[in-house]
């Protein structure tokens, strides 16, 4: 009986620990900015990404350029259109 109780408590503790770890993780995925030469600019290719700021960027390069110019750290929330877009920035 004591072994079952200890096992149950350890299981609950592990569940709470994993839940907190997921909450601390930064949302979205990191953009692959090293794939672009931002000093030369970005192409006009339309391959939309939604940023964690809920702004639609025409492509991943423009999201990286936004981060560089504004010293921000917007990540990719999802590829494609934003579900709830905000007003787009002047870079799009």
C-alpha atoms as a PDB file:
ATOM      1  CA  UNK A   1       0.000   0.000   0.000  1.00  0.00           C
ATOM      2  CA  UNK A   2       2.820   2.428   0.858  1.00  0.00           C
ATOM      3  CA  UNK A   3       4.587   1.651  -2.425  1.00  0.00           C
ATOM      4  CA  UNK A   4       1.424   2.419  -4.401  1.00  0.00           C
ATOM      5  CA  UNK A   5       0.980   5.722  -2.557  1.00  0.00           C
ATOM      6  CA  UNK A   6       4.574   6.760  -3.209  1.00  0.00           C
ATOM      7  CA  UNK A   7       4.241   5.797  -6.878  1.00  0.00           C
ATOM      8  CA  UNK A   8       1.062   7.876  -7.154  1.00  0.00           C
ATOM      9  CA  UNK A   9       2.690  10.931  -5.554  1.00  0.00           C
ATOM     10  CA  UNK A  10       5.744  10.666  -7.805  1.00  0.00           C
ATOM     11  CA  UNK A  11       3.498  10.358 -10.867  1.00  0.00           C
ATOM     12  CA  UNK A  12       1.554  13.485  -9.905  1.00  0.00           C
ATOM     13  CA  UNK A  13       4.748  15.417  -9.234  1.00  0.00           C
ATOM     14  CA  UNK A  14       6.099  14.424 -12.639  1.00  0.00           C
ATOM     15  CA  UNK A  15       2.886  15.557 -14.362  1.00  0.00           C
ATOM     16  CA  UNK A  16       3.032  18.972 -12.695  1.00  0.00           C
ATOM     17  CA  UNK A  17       6.725  19.332 -13.498  1.00  0.00           C
ATOM     18  CA  UNK A  18       6.159  18.583 -17.200  1.00  0.00           C
ATOM     19  CA  UNK A  19       3.255  21.018 -17.359  1.00  0.00           C
ATOM     20  CA  UNK A  20       5.397  23.832 -15.953  1.00  0.00           C
ATOM     21  CA  UNK A  21       8.240  23.055 -18.336  1.00  0.00           C
ATOM     22  CA  UNK A  22       5.913  23.397 -21.325  1.00  0.00           C
ATOM     23  CA  UNK A  23       4.604  26.738 -20.070  1.00  0.00           C
ATOM     24  CA  UNK A  24       8.153  28.121 -19.743  1.00  0.00           C
ATOM     25  CA  UNK A  25       9.126  27.193 -23.291  1.00  0.00           C
ATOM     26  CA  UNK A  26       9.020  30.012 -25.826  1.00  0.00           C
ATOM     27  CA  UNK A  27       6.048  29.704 -28.192  1.00  0.00           C
ATOM     28  CA  UNK A  28       6.572  29.028 -31.876  1.00  0.00           C
ATOM     29  CA  UNK A  29       9.654  27.845 -33.699  1.00  0.00           C
ATOM     30  CA  UNK A  30      12.837  29.763 -34.383  1.00  0.00           C
ATOM     31  CA  UNK A  31      13.175  31.236 -37.879  1.00  0.00           C
ATOM     32  CA  UNK A  32      16.192  29.997 -39.875  1.00  0.00           C
ATOM     33  CA  UNK A  33      17.642  33.488 -40.339  1.00  0.00           C
ATOM     34  CA  UNK A  34      21.111  32.125 -41.089  1.00  0.00           C
ATOM     35  CA  UNK A  35      19.723  30.918 -44.448  1.00  0.00           C
ATOM     36  CA  UNK A  36      19.243  34.509 -45.660  1.00  0.00           C
ATOM     37  CA  UNK A  37      21.630  37.338 -46.522  1.00  0.00           C
ATOM     38  CA  UNK A  38      19.647  40.084 -44.816  1.00  0.00           C
ATOM     39  CA  UNK A  39      22.071  42.803 -45.949  1.00  0.00           C
ATOM     40  CA  UNK A  40      21.043  42.101 -49.558  1.00  0.00           C
ATOM     41  CA  UNK A  41      17.334  42.096 -48.709  1.00  0.00           C
ATOM     42  CA  UNK A  42      14.584  39.531 -49.159  1.00  0.00           C
ATOM     43  CA  UNK A  43      12.892  38.128 -52.239  1.00  0.00           C
ATOM     44  CA  UNK A  44       9.309  38.988 -53.076  1.00  0.00           C
ATOM     45  CA  UNK A  45       8.339  35.327 -52.968  1.00  0.00           C
ATOM     46  CA  UNK A  46       5.018  34.811 -51.170  1.00  0.00           C
ATOM     47  CA  UNK A  47       5.488  31.958 -48.708  1.00  0.00           C
ATOM     48  CA  UNK A  48       3.543  33.344 -45.723  1.00  0.00           C
ATOM     49  CA  UNK A  49       4.436  32.764 -42.096  1.00  0.00           C
ATOM     50  CA  UNK A  50       2.484  33.928 -39.078  1.00  0.00           C
ATOM     51  CA  UNK A  51       4.679  35.405 -36.358  1.00  0.00           C
ATOM     52  CA  UNK A  52       4.177  34.989 -32.642  1.00  0.00           C
ATOM     53  CA  UNK A  53       3.165  38.669 -32.714  1.00  0.00           C
ATOM     54  CA  UNK A  54       0.156  37.610 -34.904  1.00  0.00           C
ATOM     55  CA  UNK A  55       1.510  39.583 -37.860  1.00  0.00           C
ATOM     56  CA  UNK A  56       1.513  37.901 -41.275  1.00  0.00           C
ATOM     57  CA  UNK A  57       4.946  38.068 -42.923  1.00  0.00           C
ATOM     58  CA  UNK A  58       5.152  37.436 -46.662  1.00  0.00           C
ATOM     59  CA  UNK A  59       8.045  35.056 -46.101  1.00  0.00           C
ATOM     60  CA  UNK A  60      10.459  33.874 -43.412  1.00  0.00           C
ATOM     61  CA  UNK A  61      13.182  36.240 -44.604  1.00  0.00           C
ATOM     62  CA  UNK A  62      10.951  39.254 -43.920  1.00  0.00           C
ATOM     63  CA  UNK A  63      10.295  37.998 -40.394  1.00  0.00           C
ATOM     64  CA  UNK A  64      14.075  37.784 -39.880  1.00  0.00           C
ATOM     65  CA  UNK A  65      14.531  41.275 -41.326  1.00  0.00           C
ATOM     66  CA  UNK A  66      11.856  42.594 -38.965  1.00  0.00           C
ATOM     67  CA  UNK A  67      13.690  41.055 -35.994  1.00  0.00           C
ATOM     68  CA  UNK A  68      17.001  42.564 -37.127  1.00  0.00           C
ATOM     69  CA  UNK A  69      15.648  46.068 -37.753  1.00  0.00           C
ATOM     70  CA  UNK A  70      13.531  46.266 -34.616  1.00  0.00           C
ATOM     71  CA  UNK A  71      15.819  44.265 -32.288  1.00  0.00           C
ATOM     72  CA  UNK A  72      12.896  41.983 -31.510  1.00  0.00           C
ATOM     73  CA  UNK A  73      12.551  38.227 -31.227  1.00  0.00           C
ATOM     74  CA  UNK A  74       9.422  37.228 -33.139  1.00  0.00           C
ATOM     75  CA  UNK A  75       9.252  33.491 -33.805  1.00  0.00           C
ATOM     76  CA  UNK A  76       7.169  31.507 -36.314  1.00  0.00           C
ATOM     77  CA  UNK A  77       3.778  30.683 -34.821  1.00  0.00           C
ATOM     78  CA  UNK A  78       2.702  28.714 -37.895  1.00  0.00           C
ATOM     79  CA  UNK A  79       3.377  28.525 -41.615  1.00  0.00           C
ATOM     80  CA  UNK A  80       0.601  30.010 -43.699  1.00  0.00           C
ATOM     81  CA  UNK A  81      -1.987  32.615 -42.841  1.00  0.00           C
ATOM     82  CA  UNK A  82      -2.595  33.845 -39.291  1.00  0.00           C
ATOM     83  CA  UNK A  83      -5.838  32.770 -37.702  1.00  0.00           C
ATOM     84  CA  UNK A  84      -6.296  36.160 -36.037  1.00  0.00           C
ATOM     85  CA  UNK A  85      -4.048  38.593 -37.956  1.00  0.00           C
ATOM     86  CA  UNK A  86      -3.120  41.999 -36.611  1.00  0.00           C
ATOM     87  CA  UNK A  87      -2.398  44.969 -38.814  1.00  0.00           C
ATOM     88  CA  UNK A  88       0.621  44.094 -40.926  1.00  0.00           C
ATOM     89  CA  UNK A  89       3.904  45.908 -40.476  1.00  0.00           C
ATOM     90  CA  UNK A  90       5.472  48.111 -43.133  1.00  0.00           C
ATOM     91  CA  UNK A  91       7.910  45.312 -44.051  1.00  0.00           C
ATOM     92  CA  UNK A  92       5.199  43.074 -45.527  1.00  0.00           C
END
